[in-house]
Amino acid sequence: MKMKCWTLASTVNYDHAFNSNEWFILISIAIGYSLLFILPKRFPTTYTFLFLFIGMNSGMVFDHTISIPPFDFYDVNDSSKFELFDFFSYIMYGPYGYFFFYIYDYLKLRRYRTMVYIIIWSITAMIVERVASNLGVFHYKAGYKFIYSFPFYFYVQSVTLVLFTFIMKKAPPNK
């Protein structure tokens, strides 16, 4: 299904209705944060908030790094301008980041298994991105291809696991 696109004074509008992209974001937020409260507590509250923030910040930094000039490889949601649901999409990233750390800590992965874990999560991120783009959350442009996202996911997850390892070395002994 091809979406209608029109421009108004350099702003690209892909849609103007509340539909699949907004529902995807709201459902992702509802499921992600519900699981956060349902699952057994694994980290101190301050660490939980930190890991949620890392997830949100990672999405926001990379979205704003490659989706604005000079790169401008894609737009998020209904318009090329920043909108309320763009902000909600960053909140949506929080639980993904948290569960990335939660499962890693739970499985107590080390050495080569860490690399496999990062690859699995990068593939998972690609699947989620594909679904999101099919529902109108992402609109690729300027020759950007879906597969180009893999190195970004791999890099972000590698760096954040280094950060996680550093943080957990400083963590209090009882979680």
C-alpha atoms as a PDB file:
ATOM      1  CA  MET A   1       0.000   0.000   0.000  1.00  0.00           C
ATOM      2  CA  LYS A   2       1.493   3.304  -1.053  1.00  0.00           C
ATOM      3  CA  MET A   3       0.850   6.299   1.199  1.00  0.00           C
ATOM      4  CA  LYS A   4      -0.113   9.631  -0.272  1.00  0.00           C
ATOM      5  CA  CYS A   5       2.542  12.268   0.276  1.00  0.00           C
ATOM      6  CA  TRP A   6       2.273  16.025  -0.182  1.00  0.00           C
ATOM      7  CA  THR A   7       4.434  18.982   0.675  1.00  0.00           C
ATOM      8  CA  LEU A   8       3.649  22.308   2.321  1.00  0.00           C
ATOM      9  CA  ALA A   9       6.515  24.802   2.514  1.00  0.00           C
ATOM     10  CA  SER A  10       9.250  22.112   2.788  1.00  0.00           C
ATOM     11  CA  THR A  11       7.243  20.040   5.275  1.00  0.00           C
ATOM     12  CA  VAL A  12       6.374  16.572   4.042  1.00  0.00           C
ATOM     13  CA  ASN A  13       3.061  15.217   5.305  1.00  0.00           C
ATOM     14  CA  TYR A  14       2.486  11.492   4.955  1.00  0.00           C
ATOM     15  CA  ASP A  15      -0.777  11.285   6.790  1.00  0.00           C
ATOM     16  CA  HIS A  16      -3.127  13.411   8.873  1.00  0.00           C
ATOM     17  CA  ALA A  17      -5.281  10.761  10.560  1.00  0.00           C
ATOM     18  CA  PHE A  18      -4.938   8.843  13.814  1.00  0.00           C
ATOM     19  CA  ASN A  19      -4.194   5.375  12.473  1.00  0.00           C
ATOM     20  CA  SER A  20      -1.718   2.472  12.384  1.00  0.00           C
ATOM     21  CA  ASN A  21       1.459   4.360  13.264  1.00  0.00           C
ATOM     22  CA  GLU A  22      -0.068   5.986  16.356  1.00  0.00           C
ATOM     23  CA  TRP A  23      -1.672   2.697  17.394  1.00  0.00           C
ATOM     24  CA  PHE A  24       1.651   0.878  17.026  1.00  0.00           C
ATOM     25  CA  ILE A  25       3.339   3.396  19.321  1.00  0.00           C
ATOM     26  CA  LEU A  26       0.556   3.341  21.933  1.00  0.00           C
ATOM     27  CA  ILE A  27       0.314  -0.462  21.954  1.00  0.00           C
ATOM     28  CA  SER A  28       4.118  -0.778  22.195  1.00  0.00           C
ATOM     29  CA  ILE A  29       4.144   1.647  25.138  1.00  0.00           C
ATOM     30  CA  ALA A  30       1.274  -0.187  26.872  1.00  0.00           C
ATOM     31  CA  ILE A  31       2.810  -3.650  26.426  1.00  0.00           C
ATOM     32  CA  GLY A  32       6.373  -2.537  27.222  1.00  0.00           C
ATOM     33  CA  TYR A  33       5.569  -0.671  30.418  1.00  0.00           C
ATOM     34  CA  SER A  34       3.055  -3.320  31.528  1.00  0.00           C
ATOM     35  CA  LEU A  35       5.733  -5.998  31.243  1.00  0.00           C
ATOM     36  CA  LEU A  36       8.071  -3.749  33.172  1.00  0.00           C
ATOM     37  CA  PHE A  37       5.652  -3.767  36.122  1.00  0.00           C
ATOM     38  CA  ILE A  38       4.689  -7.450  35.790  1.00  0.00           C
ATOM     39  CA  LEU A  39       8.182  -8.945  35.638  1.00  0.00           C
ATOM     40  CA  PRO A  40      10.100  -9.477  38.878  1.00  0.00           C
ATOM     41  CA  LYS A  41      12.183  -6.504  39.899  1.00  0.00           C
ATOM     42  CA  ARG A  42      15.769  -7.036  38.823  1.00  0.00           C
ATOM     43  CA  PHE A  43      17.446  -3.683  39.427  1.00  0.00           C
ATOM     44  CA  PRO A  44      17.216  -0.893  42.001  1.00  0.00           C
ATOM     45  CA  THR A  45      14.598   1.715  41.040  1.00  0.00           C
ATOM     46  CA  THR A  46      17.208   4.312  40.090  1.00  0.00           C
ATOM     47  CA  TYR A  47      18.865   1.812  37.744  1.00  0.00           C
ATOM     48  CA  THR A  48      15.497   0.909  36.233  1.00  0.00           C
ATOM     49  CA  PHE A  49      14.898   4.570  35.403  1.00  0.00           C
ATOM     50  CA  LEU A  50      18.448   4.886  34.082  1.00  0.00           C
ATOM     51  CA  PHE A  51      18.003   1.867  31.782  1.00  0.00           C
ATOM     52  CA  LEU A  52      14.655   3.214  30.536  1.00  0.00           C
ATOM     53  CA  PHE A  53      16.334   6.565  29.871  1.00  0.00           C
ATOM     54  CA  ILE A  54      19.189   4.877  27.983  1.00  0.00           C
ATOM     55  CA  GLY A  55      16.629   3.142  25.747  1.00  0.00           C
ATOM     56  CA  MET A  56      14.746   6.376  25.105  1.00  0.00           C
ATOM     57  CA  ASN A  57      17.911   8.401  24.603  1.00  0.00           C
ATOM     58  CA  SER A  58      19.486   5.890  22.211  1.00  0.00           C
ATOM     59  CA  GLY A  59      16.436   6.013  19.956  1.00  0.00           C
ATOM     60  CA  MET A  60      16.205   9.778  20.113  1.00  0.00           C
ATOM     61  CA  VAL A  61      19.899  10.434  19.471  1.00  0.00           C
ATOM     62  CA  PHE A  62      20.112   8.154  16.468  1.00  0.00           C
ATOM     63  CA  ASP A  63      16.764   9.243  15.053  1.00  0.00           C
ATOM     64  CA  HIS A  64      17.862  12.857  15.287  1.00  0.00           C
ATOM     65  CA  THR A  65      21.342  12.101  13.996  1.00  0.00           C
ATOM     66  CA  ILE A  66      20.330  10.451  10.731  1.00  0.00           C
ATOM     67  CA  SER A  67      16.799  11.766  10.197  1.00  0.00           C
ATOM     68  CA  ILE A  68      17.664  15.471  10.064  1.00  0.00           C
ATOM     69  CA  PRO A  69      19.932  17.454   7.724  1.00  0.00           C
ATOM     70  CA  PRO A  70      22.562  16.980   6.519  1.00  0.00           C
ATOM     71  CA  PHE A  71      21.612  13.279   6.315  1.00  0.00           C
ATOM     72  CA  ASP A  72      17.782  13.414   6.394  1.00  0.00           C
ATOM     73  CA  PHE A  73      17.410   9.695   5.661  1.00  0.00           C
ATOM     74  CA  TYR A  74      13.897   9.245   7.008  1.00  0.00           C
ATOM     75  CA  ASP A  75      10.926  10.911   8.630  1.00  0.00           C
ATOM     76  CA  VAL A  76       9.093   9.691  11.709  1.00  0.00           C
ATOM     77  CA  ASN A  77       5.297   9.350  11.816  1.00  0.00           C
ATOM     78  CA  ASP A  78       2.910  11.638   9.936  1.00  0.00           C
ATOM     79  CA  SER A  79       5.118  14.587   9.043  1.00  0.00           C
ATOM     80  CA  SER A  80       8.711  15.645   8.563  1.00  0.00           C
ATOM     81  CA  LYS A  81       8.163  18.107  11.411  1.00  0.00           C
ATOM     82  CA  PHE A  82       8.480  17.041  15.046  1.00  0.00           C
ATOM     83  CA  GLU A  83       5.051  16.132  16.448  1.00  0.00           C
ATOM     84  CA  LEU A  84       3.637  14.808  19.706  1.00  0.00           C
ATOM     85  CA  PHE A  85       3.737  11.178  18.560  1.00  0.00           C
ATOM     86  CA  ASP A  86       7.413  11.556  17.686  1.00  0.00           C
ATOM     87  CA  PHE A  87       7.943  12.234  21.394  1.00  0.00           C
ATOM     88  CA  PHE A  88       5.780   9.205  22.277  1.00  0.00           C
ATOM     89  CA  SER A  89       7.895   7.068  19.947  1.00  0.00           C
ATOM     90  CA  TYR A  90      10.940   7.910  22.091  1.00  0.00           C
ATOM     91  CA  ILE A  91       9.048   6.884  25.228  1.00  0.00           C
ATOM     92  CA  MET A  92       8.273   3.637  23.384  1.00  0.00           C
ATOM     93  CA  TYR A  93      12.016   2.869  23.105  1.00  0.00           C
ATOM     94  CA  GLY A  94      12.455   2.861  26.906  1.00  0.00           C
ATOM     95  CA  PRO A  95      11.209  -0.665  27.642  1.00  0.00           C
ATOM     96  CA  TYR A  96      13.171  -2.108  24.708  1.00  0.00           C
ATOM     97  CA  GLY A  97      16.368  -0.745  26.269  1.00  0.00           C
ATOM     98  CA  TYR A  98      15.380  -1.931  29.714  1.00  0.00           C
ATOM     99  CA  PHE A  99      14.574  -5.483  28.533  1.00  0.00           C
ATOM    100  CA  PHE A 100      17.839  -5.583  26.614  1.00  0.00           C
ATOM    101  CA  PHE A 101      19.675  -5.132  29.935  1.00  0.00           C
ATOM    102  CA  TYR A 102      17.183  -7.190  31.966  1.00  0.00           C
ATOM    103  CA  ILE A 103      17.526 -10.329  29.826  1.00  0.00           C
ATOM    104  CA  TYR A 104      21.297  -9.924  29.508  1.00  0.00           C
ATOM    105  CA  ASP A 105      21.638  -9.720  33.284  1.00  0.00           C
ATOM    106  CA  TYR A 106      19.179 -12.567  33.839  1.00  0.00           C
ATOM    107  CA  LEU A 107      21.045 -14.897  31.438  1.00  0.00           C
ATOM    108  CA  LYS A 108      24.437 -13.836  32.855  1.00  0.00           C
ATOM    109  CA  LEU A 109      25.966 -13.892  29.394  1.00  0.00           C
ATOM    110  CA  ARG A 110      29.691 -13.497  28.932  1.00  0.00           C
ATOM    111  CA  ARG A 111      32.316 -13.656  26.172  1.00  0.00           C
ATOM    112  CA  TYR A 112      31.165 -14.873  22.746  1.00  0.00           C
ATOM    113  CA  ARG A 113      27.577 -15.268  23.933  1.00  0.00           C
ATOM    114  CA  THR A 114      27.448 -11.508  24.387  1.00  0.00           C
ATOM    115  CA  MET A 115      28.178 -11.070  20.665  1.00  0.00           C
ATOM    116  CA  VAL A 116      25.446 -13.555  19.772  1.00  0.00           C
ATOM    117  CA  TYR A 117      23.078 -11.709  22.123  1.00  0.00           C
ATOM    118  CA  ILE A 118      23.819  -8.369  20.440  1.00  0.00           C
ATOM    119  CA  ILE A 119      23.262  -9.901  16.996  1.00  0.00           C
ATOM    120  CA  ILE A 120      19.935 -11.422  18.113  1.00  0.00           C
ATOM    121  CA  TRP A 121      18.780  -8.080  19.536  1.00  0.00           C
ATOM    122  CA  SER A 122      19.917  -6.253  16.394  1.00  0.00           C
ATOM    123  CA  ILE A 123      17.859  -8.649  14.281  1.00  0.00           C
ATOM    124  CA  THR A 124      14.932  -8.210  16.684  1.00  0.00           C
ATOM    125  CA  ALA A 125      15.264  -4.424  16.340  1.00  0.00           C
ATOM    126  CA  MET A 126      15.222  -4.827  12.557  1.00  0.00           C
ATOM    127  CA  ILE A 127      11.998  -6.854  12.765  1.00  0.00           C
ATOM    128  CA  VAL A 128      10.374  -4.230  14.996  1.00  0.00           C
ATOM    129  CA  GLU A 129      11.571  -1.478  12.634  1.00  0.00           C
ATOM    130  CA  ARG A 130      10.130  -3.342   9.625  1.00  0.00           C
ATOM    131  CA  VAL A 131       6.756  -3.663  11.316  1.00  0.00           C
ATOM    132  CA  ALA A 132       6.881  -0.002  12.379  1.00  0.00           C
ATOM    133  CA  SER A 133       7.819   1.177   8.890  1.00  0.00           C
ATOM    134  CA  ASN A 134       5.046  -0.921   7.342  1.00  0.00           C
ATOM    135  CA  LEU A 135       2.614   0.789   9.745  1.00  0.00           C
ATOM    136  CA  GLY A 136       3.861   4.275   8.854  1.00  0.00           C
ATOM    137  CA  VAL A 137       6.147   5.082  11.781  1.00  0.00           C
ATOM    138  CA  PHE A 138       9.210   5.451   9.523  1.00  0.00           C
ATOM    139  CA  HIS A 139       9.338   6.851   5.991  1.00  0.00           C
ATOM    140  CA  TYR A 140      12.704   6.217   4.303  1.00  0.00           C
ATOM    141  CA  LYS A 141      14.102   8.746   1.852  1.00  0.00           C
ATOM    142  CA  ALA A 142      17.355   9.981   0.282  1.00  0.00           C
ATOM    143  CA  GLY A 143      18.256   6.437  -0.790  1.00  0.00           C
ATOM    144  CA  TYR A 144      18.152   5.015   2.734  1.00  0.00           C
ATOM    145  CA  LYS A 145      17.475   1.284   2.820  1.00  0.00           C
ATOM    146  CA  PHE A 146      16.039  -0.718   5.693  1.00  0.00           C
ATOM    147  CA  ILE A 147      19.154  -2.909   5.954  1.00  0.00           C
ATOM    148  CA  TYR A 148      21.310   0.168   6.721  1.00  0.00           C
ATOM    149  CA  SER A 149      19.795   0.216  10.207  1.00  0.00           C
ATOM    150  CA  PHE A 150      21.543  -2.996  11.282  1.00  0.00           C
ATOM    151  CA  PRO A 151      24.976  -1.409  11.923  1.00  0.00           C
ATOM    152  CA  PHE A 152      23.329   1.339  13.995  1.00  0.00           C
ATOM    153  CA  TYR A 153      21.548  -1.205  16.189  1.00  0.00           C
ATOM    154  CA  PHE A 154      24.680  -3.308  16.511  1.00  0.00           C
ATOM    155  CA  TYR A 155      26.783  -0.278  17.464  1.00  0.00           C
ATOM    156  CA  VAL A 156      24.286   1.171  19.966  1.00  0.00           C
ATOM    157  CA  GLN A 157      23.746  -2.164  21.673  1.00  0.00           C
ATOM    158  CA  SER A 158      27.465  -2.867  21.863  1.00  0.00           C
ATOM    159  CA  VAL A 159      28.196   0.514  23.410  1.00  0.00           C
ATOM    160  CA  THR A 160      25.286   0.323  25.840  1.00  0.00           C
ATOM    161  CA  LEU A 161      26.383  -3.129  27.028  1.00  0.00           C
ATOM    162  CA  VAL A 162      29.806  -1.694  27.818  1.00  0.00           C
ATOM    163  CA  LEU A 163      28.024   1.079  29.750  1.00  0.00           C
ATOM    164  CA  PHE A 164      25.795  -1.503  31.468  1.00  0.00           C
ATOM    165  CA  THR A 165      28.824  -3.566  32.522  1.00  0.00           C
ATOM    166  CA  PHE A 166      30.466  -0.463  33.966  1.00  0.00           C
ATOM    167  CA  ILE A 167      27.283   0.534  35.834  1.00  0.00           C
ATOM    168  CA  MET A 168      26.716  -2.940  37.252  1.00  0.00           C
ATOM    169  CA  LYS A 169      30.284  -3.118  38.574  1.00  0.00           C
ATOM    170  CA  LYS A 170      29.399  -0.054  40.645  1.00  0.00           C
ATOM    171  CA  ALA A 171      25.966  -1.434  41.640  1.00  0.00           C
ATOM    172  CA  PRO A 172      25.146  -2.280  45.226  1.00  0.00           C
ATOM    173  CA  PRO A 173      25.626  -6.023  45.892  1.00  0.00           C
ATOM    174  CA  ASN A 174      21.944  -6.683  46.627  1.00  0.00           C
ATOM    175  CA  LYS A 175      19.617  -5.811  43.798  1.00  0.00           C
END
